[in-house]
Amino acid sequence: MSQYMILLYDDPSVWTKLSPEEMQKAMEKYMAWGKKPFTLGGKRLTQDAGRVMRTQGGQPHTMDGPYSETKEVLGGFYTIEAADYDEAVERTLDHPHLQFGTIEVRQIFGT
C-alpha cells in the first residue's frame, strides 16, 4: 500500500460563523473520520501564519507567512494508506472537510 497526505485547506473565517453546536458536530465528524482503518494519523495546524524560508543571494531568509492570493490556508492533514490515487480519492470522498473547504491528495514519496 502507498501512503497519501490528505491536505485540508479552508478559509479560517468559515469556522467563526459556526454556532458552538455546529462546531461540536463538525469536530465529532473529523474525529470519527480519523479513526477509519486506513487512516494512519492526522493533525490540525494552529491558525498562526507560520514561517516561510527561502534562499536569496545564497543566504537563508525567514519571513512570516505563507501569504498567497487566496484566503484558503493549510489547516491540517491526514496520512492514509491506499493502493493508488483512485483509491485515495475514493476513501476521501466522505471526509467532512469537503463541506468547509478544499482537499488536496498527494502521494508520499517512497511508499
PDB file of N, CA and C in Angstrom:
ATOM      1  N   MET A   1       0.836  -1.189   0.000  1.00  0.00           N
ATOM      2  CA  MET A   1       0.000   0.000   0.000  1.00  0.00           C
ATOM      3  C   MET A   1       0.874   1.244   0.000  1.00  0.00           C
ATOM      4  N   SER A   2       0.455   2.226  -0.723  1.00  0.00           N
ATOM      5  CA  SER A   2       1.125   3.527  -0.726  1.00  0.00           C
ATOM      6  C   SER A   2       0.520   4.416   0.352  1.00  0.00           C
ATOM      7  N   GLN A   3       1.253   5.456   0.729  1.00  0.00           N
ATOM      8  CA  GLN A   3       0.739   6.424   1.686  1.00  0.00           C
ATOM      9  C   GLN A   3       0.480   7.742   0.976  1.00  0.00           C
ATOM     10  N   TYR A   4      -0.577   8.418   1.424  1.00  0.00           N
ATOM     11  CA  TYR A   4      -1.000   9.680   0.834  1.00  0.00           C
ATOM     12  C   TYR A   4      -1.256  10.701   1.918  1.00  0.00           C
ATOM     13  N   MET A   5      -0.887  11.949   1.628  1.00  0.00           N
ATOM     14  CA  MET A   5      -1.235  13.060   2.503  1.00  0.00           C
ATOM     15  C   MET A   5      -2.561  13.630   2.019  1.00  0.00           C
ATOM     16  N   ILE A   6      -3.454  13.814   2.928  1.00  0.00           N
ATOM     17  CA  ILE A   6      -4.729  14.463   2.657  1.00  0.00           C
ATOM     18  C   ILE A   6      -4.605  15.853   3.279  1.00  0.00           C
ATOM     19  N   LEU A   7      -4.388  16.860   2.450  1.00  0.00           N
ATOM     20  CA  LEU A   7      -4.145  18.224   2.911  1.00  0.00           C
ATOM     21  C   LEU A   7      -5.455  19.001   2.920  1.00  0.00           C
ATOM     22  N   LEU A   8      -5.765  19.618   4.046  1.00  0.00           N
ATOM     23  CA  LEU A   8      -7.039  20.307   4.229  1.00  0.00           C
ATOM     24  C   LEU A   8      -6.833  21.820   4.174  1.00  0.00           C
ATOM     25  N   TYR A   9      -7.439  22.449   3.191  1.00  0.00           N
ATOM     26  CA  TYR A   9      -7.356  23.892   3.022  1.00  0.00           C
ATOM     27  C   TYR A   9      -8.726  24.500   3.281  1.00  0.00           C
ATOM     28  N   ASP A  10      -8.745  25.672   3.915  1.00  0.00           N
ATOM     29  CA  ASP A  10     -10.015  26.377   4.086  1.00  0.00           C
ATOM     30  C   ASP A  10      -9.767  27.844   4.383  1.00  0.00           C
ATOM     31  N   ASP A  11     -10.834  28.597   4.343  1.00  0.00           N
ATOM     32  CA  ASP A  11     -10.825  29.988   4.772  1.00  0.00           C
ATOM     33  C   ASP A  11     -11.136  29.944   6.267  1.00  0.00           C
ATOM     34  N   PRO A  12     -10.186  30.281   7.135  1.00  0.00           N
ATOM     35  CA  PRO A  12     -10.413  30.150   8.579  1.00  0.00           C
ATOM     36  C   PRO A  12     -11.638  30.899   9.094  1.00  0.00           C
ATOM     37  N   SER A  13     -12.083  31.915   8.376  1.00  0.00           N
ATOM     38  CA  SER A  13     -13.259  32.665   8.833  1.00  0.00           C
ATOM     39  C   SER A  13     -14.529  31.813   8.785  1.00  0.00           C
ATOM     40  N   VAL A  14     -14.515  30.727   8.014  1.00  0.00           N
ATOM     41  CA  VAL A  14     -15.676  29.825   7.947  1.00  0.00           C
ATOM     42  C   VAL A  14     -16.005  29.298   9.337  1.00  0.00           C
ATOM     43  N   TRP A  15     -14.978  28.984  10.104  1.00  0.00           N
ATOM     44  CA  TRP A  15     -15.178  28.369  11.420  1.00  0.00           C
ATOM     45  C   TRP A  15     -15.770  29.344  12.423  1.00  0.00           C
ATOM     46  N   THR A  16     -15.524  30.637  12.268  1.00  0.00           N
ATOM     47  CA  THR A  16     -16.065  31.621  13.212  1.00  0.00           C
ATOM     48  C   THR A  16     -17.559  31.831  13.017  1.00  0.00           C
ATOM     49  N   LYS A  17     -18.088  31.373  11.901  1.00  0.00           N
ATOM     50  CA  LYS A  17     -19.508  31.552  11.607  1.00  0.00           C
ATOM     51  C   LYS A  17     -20.367  30.407  12.137  1.00  0.00           C
ATOM     52  N   LEU A  18     -19.732  29.351  12.653  1.00  0.00           N
ATOM     53  CA  LEU A  18     -20.472  28.204  13.169  1.00  0.00           C
ATOM     54  C   LEU A  18     -20.906  28.445  14.614  1.00  0.00           C
ATOM     55  N   SER A  19     -22.084  27.962  14.938  1.00  0.00           N
ATOM     56  CA  SER A  19     -22.533  28.002  16.332  1.00  0.00           C
ATOM     57  C   SER A  19     -21.725  26.978  17.123  1.00  0.00           C
ATOM     58  N   PRO A  20     -21.701  27.066  18.445  1.00  0.00           N
ATOM     59  CA  PRO A  20     -20.994  26.054  19.233  1.00  0.00           C
ATOM     60  C   PRO A  20     -21.489  24.630  18.943  1.00  0.00           C
ATOM     61  N   GLU A  21     -22.777  24.472  18.729  1.00  0.00           N
ATOM     62  CA  GLU A  21     -23.328  23.152  18.421  1.00  0.00           C
ATOM     63  C   GLU A  21     -22.843  22.648  17.067  1.00  0.00           C
ATOM     64  N   GLU A  22     -22.833  23.537  16.064  1.00  0.00           N
ATOM     65  CA  GLU A  22     -22.337  23.158  14.741  1.00  0.00           C
ATOM     66  C   GLU A  22     -20.849  22.812  14.791  1.00  0.00           C
ATOM     67  N   MET A  23     -20.092  23.571  15.560  1.00  0.00           N
ATOM     68  CA  MET A  23     -18.664  23.311  15.710  1.00  0.00           C
ATOM     69  C   MET A  23     -18.445  21.948  16.364  1.00  0.00           C
ATOM     70  N   GLN A  24     -19.217  21.637  17.398  1.00  0.00           N
ATOM     71  CA  GLN A  24     -19.085  20.354  18.077  1.00  0.00           C
ATOM     72  C   GLN A  24     -19.390  19.201  17.119  1.00  0.00           C
ATOM     73  N   LYS A  25     -20.454  19.325  16.346  1.00  0.00           N
ATOM     74  CA  LYS A  25     -20.808  18.277  15.376  1.00  0.00           C
ATOM     75  C   LYS A  25     -19.709  18.101  14.328  1.00  0.00           C
ATOM     76  N   ALA A  26     -19.170  19.207  13.853  1.00  0.00           N
ATOM     77  CA  ALA A  26     -18.104  19.136  12.847  1.00  0.00           C
ATOM     78  C   ALA A  26     -16.889  18.426  13.429  1.00  0.00           C
ATOM     79  N   MET A  27     -16.492  18.788  14.635  1.00  0.00           N
ATOM     80  CA  MET A  27     -15.315  18.174  15.256  1.00  0.00           C
ATOM     81  C   MET A  27     -15.539  16.671  15.478  1.00  0.00           C
ATOM     82  N   GLU A  28     -16.743  16.289  15.850  1.00  0.00           N
ATOM     83  CA  GLU A  28     -17.046  14.868  16.024  1.00  0.00           C
ATOM     84  C   GLU A  28     -16.895  14.111  14.702  1.00  0.00           C
ATOM     85  N   LYS A  29     -17.304  14.729  13.610  1.00  0.00           N
ATOM     86  CA  LYS A  29     -17.159  14.089  12.296  1.00  0.00           C
ATOM     87  C   LYS A  29     -15.689  13.941  11.910  1.00  0.00           C
ATOM     88  N   TYR A  30     -14.891  14.970  12.183  1.00  0.00           N
ATOM     89  CA  TYR A  30     -13.452  14.892  11.890  1.00  0.00           C
ATOM     90  C   TYR A  30     -12.795  13.792  12.724  1.00  0.00           C
ATOM     91  N   MET A  31     -13.142  13.735  13.998  1.00  0.00           N
ATOM     92  CA  MET A  31     -12.554  12.721  14.890  1.00  0.00           C
ATOM     93  C   MET A  31     -12.948  11.313  14.425  1.00  0.00           C
ATOM     94  N   ALA A  32     -14.188  11.131  14.028  1.00  0.00           N
ATOM     95  CA  ALA A  32     -14.646   9.817  13.556  1.00  0.00           C
ATOM     96  C   ALA A  32     -13.921   9.429  12.270  1.00  0.00           C
ATOM     97  N   TRP A  33     -13.752  10.371  11.355  1.00  0.00           N
ATOM     98  CA  TRP A  33     -13.067  10.063  10.090  1.00  0.00           C
ATOM     99  C   TRP A  33     -11.628   9.658  10.368  1.00  0.00           C
ATOM    100  N   GLY A  34     -11.007  10.299  11.331  1.00  0.00           N
ATOM    101  CA  GLY A  34      -9.624   9.991  11.668  1.00  0.00           C
ATOM    102  C   GLY A  34      -9.422   8.601  12.260  1.00  0.00           C
ATOM    103  N   LYS A  35     -10.502   7.933  12.640  1.00  0.00           N
ATOM    104  CA  LYS A  35     -10.419   6.586  13.214  1.00  0.00           C
ATOM    105  C   LYS A  35     -10.664   5.485  12.186  1.00  0.00           C
ATOM    106  N   LYS A  36     -10.827   5.862  10.920  1.00  0.00           N
ATOM    107  CA  LYS A  36     -11.034   4.850   9.880  1.00  0.00           C
ATOM    108  C   LYS A  36      -9.790   3.965   9.785  1.00  0.00           C
ATOM    109  N   PRO A  37      -9.951   2.692   9.418  1.00  0.00           N
ATOM    110  CA  PRO A  37      -8.824   1.760   9.454  1.00  0.00           C
ATOM    111  C   PRO A  37      -7.664   2.118   8.521  1.00  0.00           C
ATOM    112  N   PHE A  38      -7.904   2.860   7.478  1.00  0.00           N
ATOM    113  CA  PHE A  38      -6.824   3.220   6.544  1.00  0.00           C
ATOM    114  C   PHE A  38      -6.130   4.526   6.928  1.00  0.00           C
ATOM    115  N   THR A  39      -6.613   5.189   7.983  1.00  0.00           N
ATOM    116  CA  THR A  39      -6.023   6.451   8.413  1.00  0.00           C
ATOM    117  C   THR A  39      -4.877   6.184   9.380  1.00  0.00           C
ATOM    118  N   LEU A  40      -3.695   6.673   9.049  1.00  0.00           N
ATOM    119  CA  LEU A  40      -2.505   6.451   9.864  1.00  0.00           C
ATOM    120  C   LEU A  40      -2.295   7.548  10.894  1.00  0.00           C
ATOM    121  N   GLY A  41      -2.876   8.709  10.681  1.00  0.00           N
ATOM    122  CA  GLY A  41      -2.730   9.816  11.614  1.00  0.00           C
ATOM    123  C   GLY A  41      -3.171  11.115  10.979  1.00  0.00           C
ATOM    124  N   GLY A  42      -3.203  12.147  11.766  1.00  0.00           N
ATOM    125  CA  GLY A  42      -3.584  13.455  11.266  1.00  0.00           C
ATOM    126  C   GLY A  42      -3.484  14.475  12.373  1.00  0.00           C
ATOM    127  N   LYS A  43      -3.371  15.714  11.987  1.00  0.00           N
ATOM    128  CA  LYS A  43      -3.259  16.810  12.947  1.00  0.00           C
ATOM    129  C   LYS A  43      -3.884  18.072  12.376  1.00  0.00           C
ATOM    130  N   ARG A  44      -4.419  18.861  13.271  1.00  0.00           N
ATOM    131  CA  ARG A  44      -4.874  20.199  12.925  1.00  0.00           C
ATOM    132  C   ARG A  44      -3.701  21.140  13.150  1.00  0.00           C
ATOM    133  N   LEU A  45      -3.531  22.102  12.291  1.00  0.00           N
ATOM    134  CA  LEU A  45      -2.472  23.087  12.451  1.00  0.00           C
ATOM    135  C   LEU A  45      -3.013  24.306  13.187  1.00  0.00           C
ATOM    136  N   THR A  46      -2.129  25.043  13.855  1.00  0.00           N
ATOM    137  CA  THR A  46      -2.557  26.269  14.523  1.00  0.00           C
ATOM    138  C   THR A  46      -2.930  27.303  13.470  1.00  0.00           C
ATOM    139  N   GLN A  47      -3.607  28.339  13.907  1.00  0.00           N
ATOM    140  CA  GLN A  47      -4.057  29.352  12.953  1.00  0.00           C
ATOM    141  C   GLN A  47      -3.053  30.475  12.754  1.00  0.00           C
ATOM    142  N   ASP A  48      -1.855  30.358  13.344  1.00  0.00           N
ATOM    143  CA  ASP A  48      -0.866  31.403  13.084  1.00  0.00           C
ATOM    144  C   ASP A  48      -0.354  31.288  11.654  1.00  0.00           C
ATOM    145  N   ALA A  49       0.337  32.290  11.205  1.00  0.00           N
ATOM    146  CA  ALA A  49       0.776  32.341   9.806  1.00  0.00           C
ATOM    147  C   ALA A  49       1.960  31.443   9.508  1.00  0.00           C
ATOM    148  N   GLY A  50       2.658  30.961  10.541  1.00  0.00           N
ATOM    149  CA  GLY A  50       3.831  30.131  10.298  1.00  0.00           C
ATOM    150  C   GLY A  50       4.995  30.957   9.783  1.00  0.00           C
ATOM    151  N   ARG A  51       5.958  30.300   9.206  1.00  0.00           N
ATOM    152  CA  ARG A  51       7.139  30.963   8.647  1.00  0.00           C
ATOM    153  C   ARG A  51       7.461  30.357   7.298  1.00  0.00           C
ATOM    154  N   VAL A  52       7.964  31.178   6.416  1.00  0.00           N
ATOM    155  CA  VAL A  52       8.404  30.740   5.091  1.00  0.00           C
ATOM    156  C   VAL A  52       9.898  30.996   5.013  1.00  0.00           C
ATOM    157  N   MET A  53      10.619  29.988   4.567  1.00  0.00           N
ATOM    158  CA  MET A  53      12.074  30.138   4.424  1.00  0.00           C
ATOM    159  C   MET A  53      12.442  30.035   2.950  1.00  0.00           C
ATOM    160  N   ARG A  54      13.272  30.958   2.512  1.00  0.00           N
ATOM    161  CA  ARG A  54      13.759  30.971   1.131  1.00  0.00           C
ATOM    162  C   ARG A  54      15.225  31.378   1.143  1.00  0.00           C
ATOM    163  N   THR A  55      15.932  30.973   0.116  1.00  0.00           N
ATOM    164  CA  THR A  55      17.306  31.417  -0.053  1.00  0.00           C
ATOM    165  C   THR A  55      17.313  32.569  -1.046  1.00  0.00           C
ATOM    166  N   GLN A  56      17.927  33.660  -0.644  1.00  0.00           N
ATOM    167  CA  GLN A  56      18.071  34.831  -1.509  1.00  0.00           C
ATOM    168  C   GLN A  56      19.538  35.236  -1.496  1.00  0.00           C
ATOM    169  N   GLY A  57      20.141  35.270  -2.653  1.00  0.00           N
ATOM    170  CA  GLY A  57      21.551  35.624  -2.741  1.00  0.00           C
ATOM    171  C   GLY A  57      22.446  34.661  -1.982  1.00  0.00           C
ATOM    172  N   GLY A  58      22.045  33.405  -1.934  1.00  0.00           N
ATOM    173  CA  GLY A  58      22.831  32.393  -1.255  1.00  0.00           C
ATOM    174  C   GLY A  58      22.660  32.361   0.258  1.00  0.00           C
ATOM    175  N   GLN A  59      21.807  33.220   0.795  1.00  0.00           N
ATOM    176  CA  GLN A  59      21.590  33.288   2.239  1.00  0.00           C
ATOM    177  C   GLN A  59      20.139  32.930   2.576  1.00  0.00           C
ATOM    178  N   PRO A  60      19.929  32.131   3.615  1.00  0.00           N
ATOM    179  CA  PRO A  60      18.559  31.807   4.011  1.00  0.00           C
ATOM    180  C   PRO A  60      17.884  33.007   4.671  1.00  0.00           C
ATOM    181  N   HIS A  61      16.633  33.234   4.329  1.00  0.00           N
ATOM    182  CA  HIS A  61      15.826  34.302   4.914  1.00  0.00           C
ATOM    183  C   HIS A  61      14.519  33.700   5.397  1.00  0.00           C
ATOM    184  N   THR A  62      14.074  34.126   6.547  1.00  0.00           N
ATOM    185  CA  THR A  62      12.820  33.657   7.116  1.00  0.00           C
ATOM    186  C   THR A  62      11.856  34.823   7.194  1.00  0.00           C
ATOM    187  N   MET A  63      10.618  34.577   6.744  1.00  0.00           N
ATOM    188  CA  MET A  63       9.587  35.608   6.760  1.00  0.00           C
ATOM    189  C   MET A  63       8.320  35.032   7.364  1.00  0.00           C
ATOM    190  N   ASP A  64       7.477  35.906   7.907  1.00  0.00           N
ATOM    191  CA  ASP A  64       6.151  35.476   8.304  1.00  0.00           C
ATOM    192  C   ASP A  64       5.406  35.053   7.052  1.00  0.00           C
ATOM    193  N   GLY A  65       4.538  34.120   7.191  1.00  0.00           N
ATOM    194  CA  GLY A  65       3.783  33.685   6.027  1.00  0.00           C
ATOM    195  C   GLY A  65       3.201  32.333   6.294  1.00  0.00           C
ATOM    196  N   PRO A  66       2.742  31.618   5.347  1.00  0.00           N
ATOM    197  CA  PRO A  66       2.735  31.979   3.922  1.00  0.00           C
ATOM    198  C   PRO A  66       1.587  32.934   3.584  1.00  0.00           C
ATOM    199  N   TYR A  67       1.843  33.768   2.638  1.00  0.00           N
ATOM    200  CA  TYR A  67       0.807  34.674   2.135  1.00  0.00           C
ATOM    201  C   TYR A  67       0.574  34.327   0.680  1.00  0.00           C
ATOM    202  N   SER A  68      -0.665  34.267   0.305  1.00  0.00           N
ATOM    203  CA  SER A  68      -0.992  33.927  -1.076  1.00  0.00           C
ATOM    204  C   SER A  68      -2.156  34.785  -1.538  1.00  0.00           C
ATOM    205  N   GLU A  69      -2.535  34.615  -2.756  1.00  0.00           N
ATOM    206  CA  GLU A  69      -3.619  35.394  -3.351  1.00  0.00           C
ATOM    207  C   GLU A  69      -4.987  34.885  -2.948  1.00  0.00           C
ATOM    208  N   THR A  70      -5.043  33.788  -2.231  1.00  0.00           N
ATOM    209  CA  THR A  70      -6.312  33.200  -1.828  1.00  0.00           C
ATOM    210  C   THR A  70      -6.490  33.307  -0.325  1.00  0.00           C
ATOM    211  N   LYS A  71      -7.716  33.203   0.134  1.00  0.00           N
ATOM    212  CA  LYS A  71      -7.982  33.228   1.563  1.00  0.00           C
ATOM    213  C   LYS A  71      -7.807  31.847   2.179  1.00  0.00           C
ATOM    214  N   GLU A  72      -7.722  30.813   1.347  1.00  0.00           N
ATOM    215  CA  GLU A  72      -7.576  29.463   1.871  1.00  0.00           C
ATOM    216  C   GLU A  72      -6.157  29.236   2.379  1.00  0.00           C
ATOM    217  N   VAL A  73      -6.077  28.600   3.526  1.00  0.00           N
ATOM    218  CA  VAL A  73      -4.788  28.246   4.105  1.00  0.00           C
ATOM    219  C   VAL A  73      -4.795  26.767   4.465  1.00  0.00           C
ATOM    220  N   LEU A  74      -3.610  26.187   4.573  1.00  0.00           N
ATOM    221  CA  LEU A  74      -3.478  24.806   5.000  1.00  0.00           C
ATOM    222  C   LEU A  74      -3.810  24.745   6.482  1.00  0.00           C
ATOM    223  N   GLY A  75      -4.869  24.008   6.820  1.00  0.00           N
ATOM    224  CA  GLY A  75      -5.331  23.969   8.199  1.00  0.00           C
ATOM    225  C   GLY A  75      -5.059  22.663   8.909  1.00  0.00           C
ATOM    226  N   GLY A  76      -4.718  21.619   8.159  1.00  0.00           N
ATOM    227  CA  GLY A  76      -4.458  20.331   8.778  1.00  0.00           C
ATOM    228  C   GLY A  76      -4.186  19.278   7.739  1.00  0.00           C
ATOM    229  N   PHE A  77      -3.948  18.053   8.213  1.00  0.00           N
ATOM    230  CA  PHE A  77      -3.626  16.971   7.285  1.00  0.00           C
ATOM    231  C   PHE A  77      -3.934  15.626   7.918  1.00  0.00           C
ATOM    232  N   TYR A  78      -4.071  14.642   7.085  1.00  0.00           N
ATOM    233  CA  TYR A  78      -4.153  13.237   7.479  1.00  0.00           C
ATOM    234  C   TYR A  78      -3.173  12.468   6.610  1.00  0.00           C
ATOM    235  N   THR A  79      -2.711  11.352   7.102  1.00  0.00           N
ATOM    236  CA  THR A  79      -1.938  10.416   6.311  1.00  0.00           C
ATOM    237  C   THR A  79      -2.776   9.149   6.216  1.00  0.00           C
ATOM    238  N   ILE A  80      -2.989   8.677   4.979  1.00  0.00           N
ATOM    239  CA  ILE A  80      -3.780   7.467   4.792  1.00  0.00           C
ATOM    240  C   ILE A  80      -3.007   6.478   3.926  1.00  0.00           C
ATOM    241  N   GLU A  81      -3.487   5.247   3.916  1.00  0.00           N
ATOM    242  CA  GLU A  81      -2.958   4.224   3.019  1.00  0.00           C
ATOM    243  C   GLU A  81      -3.990   3.934   1.948  1.00  0.00           C
ATOM    244  N   ALA A  82      -3.510   3.726   0.733  1.00  0.00           N
ATOM    245  CA  ALA A  82      -4.370   3.360  -0.392  1.00  0.00           C
ATOM    246  C   ALA A  82      -3.502   2.708  -1.463  1.00  0.00           C
ATOM    247  N   ALA A  83      -4.127   1.912  -2.304  1.00  0.00           N
ATOM    248  CA  ALA A  83      -3.396   1.214  -3.365  1.00  0.00           C
ATOM    249  C   ALA A  83      -2.896   2.178  -4.436  1.00  0.00           C
ATOM    250  N   ASP A  84      -3.681   3.241  -4.727  1.00  0.00           N
ATOM    251  CA  ASP A  84      -3.328   4.192  -5.771  1.00  0.00           C
ATOM    252  C   ASP A  84      -4.131   5.480  -5.557  1.00  0.00           C
ATOM    253  N   TYR A  85      -3.923   6.462  -6.445  1.00  0.00           N
ATOM    254  CA  TYR A  85      -4.636   7.731  -6.316  1.00  0.00           C
ATOM    255  C   TYR A  85      -6.143   7.541  -6.353  1.00  0.00           C
ATOM    256  N   ASP A  86      -6.625   6.679  -7.243  1.00  0.00           N
ATOM    257  CA  ASP A  86      -8.074   6.485  -7.337  1.00  0.00           C
ATOM    258  C   ASP A  86      -8.654   6.032  -6.003  1.00  0.00           C
ATOM    259  N   GLU A  87      -7.974   5.075  -5.355  1.00  0.00           N
ATOM    260  CA  GLU A  87      -8.474   4.596  -4.070  1.00  0.00           C
ATOM    261  C   GLU A  87      -8.327   5.672  -2.994  1.00  0.00           C
ATOM    262  N   ALA A  88      -7.234   6.439  -3.021  1.00  0.00           N
ATOM    263  CA  ALA A  88      -7.053   7.512  -2.043  1.00  0.00           C
ATOM    264  C   ALA A  88      -8.172   8.548  -2.166  1.00  0.00           C
ATOM    265  N   VAL A  89      -8.505   8.917  -3.388  1.00  0.00           N
ATOM    266  CA  VAL A  89      -9.595   9.874  -3.611  1.00  0.00           C
ATOM    267  C   VAL A  89     -10.918   9.266  -3.167  1.00  0.00           C
ATOM    268  N   GLU A  90     -11.164   8.030  -3.527  1.00  0.00           N
ATOM    269  CA  GLU A  90     -12.407   7.348  -3.137  1.00  0.00           C
ATOM    270  C   GLU A  90     -12.563   7.329  -1.619  1.00  0.00           C
ATOM    271  N   ARG A  91     -11.485   7.036  -0.913  1.00  0.00           N
ATOM    272  CA  ARG A  91     -11.525   6.970   0.544  1.00  0.00           C
ATOM    273  C   ARG A  91     -11.757   8.344   1.174  1.00  0.00           C
ATOM    274  N   THR A  92     -11.461   9.383   0.446  1.00  0.00           N
ATOM    275  CA  THR A  92     -11.564  10.744   0.963  1.00  0.00           C
ATOM    276  C   THR A  92     -12.893  11.412   0.619  1.00  0.00           C
ATOM    277  N   LEU A  93     -13.670  10.812  -0.246  1.00  0.00           N
ATOM    278  CA  LEU A  93     -14.914  11.445  -0.697  1.00  0.00           C
ATOM    279  C   LEU A  93     -15.897  11.752   0.423  1.00  0.00           C
ATOM    280  N   ASP A  94     -15.860  11.006   1.511  1.00  0.00           N
ATOM    281  CA  ASP A  94     -16.790  11.267   2.610  1.00  0.00           C
ATOM    282  C   ASP A  94     -16.158  12.077   3.745  1.00  0.00           C
ATOM    283  N   HIS A  95     -14.988  12.674   3.489  1.00  0.00           N
ATOM    284  CA  HIS A  95     -14.340  13.459   4.539  1.00  0.00           C
ATOM    285  C   HIS A  95     -15.175  14.707   4.826  1.00  0.00           C
ATOM    286  N   PRO A  96     -15.420  15.014   6.100  1.00  0.00           N
ATOM    287  CA  PRO A  96     -16.264  16.164   6.430  1.00  0.00           C
ATOM    288  C   PRO A  96     -15.695  17.503   5.983  1.00  0.00           C
ATOM    289  N   HIS A  97     -14.406  17.571   5.708  1.00  0.00           N
ATOM    290  CA  HIS A  97     -13.812  18.845   5.309  1.00  0.00           C
ATOM    291  C   HIS A  97     -14.352  19.352   3.972  1.00  0.00           C
ATOM    292  N   LEU A  98     -14.842  18.469   3.142  1.00  0.00           N
ATOM    293  CA  LEU A  98     -15.387  18.911   1.851  1.00  0.00           C
ATOM    294  C   LEU A  98     -16.550  19.892   2.031  1.00  0.00           C
ATOM    295  N   GLN A  99     -17.160  19.885   3.199  1.00  0.00           N
ATOM    296  CA  GLN A  99     -18.235  20.830   3.497  1.00  0.00           C
ATOM    297  C   GLN A  99     -17.680  22.234   3.757  1.00  0.00           C
ATOM    298  N   PHE A 100     -16.414  22.320   4.146  1.00  0.00           N
ATOM    299  CA  PHE A 100     -15.845  23.593   4.586  1.00  0.00           C
ATOM    300  C   PHE A 100     -14.751  24.149   3.687  1.00  0.00           C
ATOM    301  N   GLY A 101     -14.131  23.306   2.860  1.00  0.00           N
ATOM    302  CA  GLY A 101     -13.002  23.802   2.091  1.00  0.00           C
ATOM    303  C   GLY A 101     -12.552  22.826   1.025  1.00  0.00           C
ATOM    304  N   THR A 102     -11.260  22.827   0.763  1.00  0.00           N
ATOM    305  CA  THR A 102     -10.646  22.064  -0.314  1.00  0.00           C
ATOM    306  C   THR A 102      -9.760  20.972   0.265  1.00  0.00           C
ATOM    307  N   ILE A 103      -9.718  19.820  -0.406  1.00  0.00           N
ATOM    308  CA  ILE A 103      -8.826  18.731  -0.026  1.00  0.00           C
ATOM    309  C   ILE A 103      -7.880  18.463  -1.181  1.00  0.00           C
ATOM    310  N   GLU A 104      -6.595  18.384  -0.855  1.00  0.00           N
ATOM    311  CA  GLU A 104      -5.578  18.013  -1.840  1.00  0.00           C
ATOM    312  C   GLU A 104      -5.029  16.650  -1.442  1.00  0.00           C
ATOM    313  N   VAL A 105      -4.932  15.734  -2.396  1.00  0.00           N
ATOM    314  CA  VAL A 105      -4.409  14.385  -2.162  1.00  0.00           C
ATOM    315  C   VAL A 105      -3.052  14.286  -2.826  1.00  0.00           C
ATOM    316  N   ARG A 106      -2.005  13.939  -2.040  1.00  0.00           N
ATOM    317  CA  ARG A 106      -0.652  13.836  -2.579  1.00  0.00           C
ATOM    318  C   ARG A 106      -0.006  12.547  -2.088  1.00  0.00           C
ATOM    319  N   GLN A 107       0.624  11.811  -2.994  1.00  0.00           N
ATOM    320  CA  GLN A 107       1.322  10.590  -2.615  1.00  0.00           C
ATOM    321  C   GLN A 107       2.642  10.936  -1.926  1.00  0.00           C
ATOM    322  N   ILE A 108       2.963  10.182  -0.882  1.00  0.00           N
ATOM    323  CA  ILE A 108       4.215  10.362  -0.167  1.00  0.00           C
ATOM    324  C   ILE A 108       5.291   9.577  -0.897  1.00  0.00           C
ATOM    325  N   PHE A 109       6.391  10.207  -1.206  1.00  0.00           N
ATOM    326  CA  PHE A 109       7.478   9.615  -1.965  1.00  0.00           C
ATOM    327  C   PHE A 109       8.024   8.385  -1.254  1.00  0.00           C
ATOM    328  N   GLY A 110       8.244   7.330  -2.015  1.00  0.00           N
ATOM    329  CA  GLY A 110       8.882   6.130  -1.496  1.00  0.00           C
ATOM    330  C   GLY A 110       7.962   5.180  -0.766  1.00  0.00           C
ATOM    331  N   THR A 111       6.672   5.402  -0.844  1.00  0.00           N
ATOM    332  CA  THR A 111       5.763   4.486  -0.160  1.00  0.00           C
ATOM    333  C   THR A 111       4.947   3.707  -1.164  1.00  0.00           C
TER     334      THR A 111
END
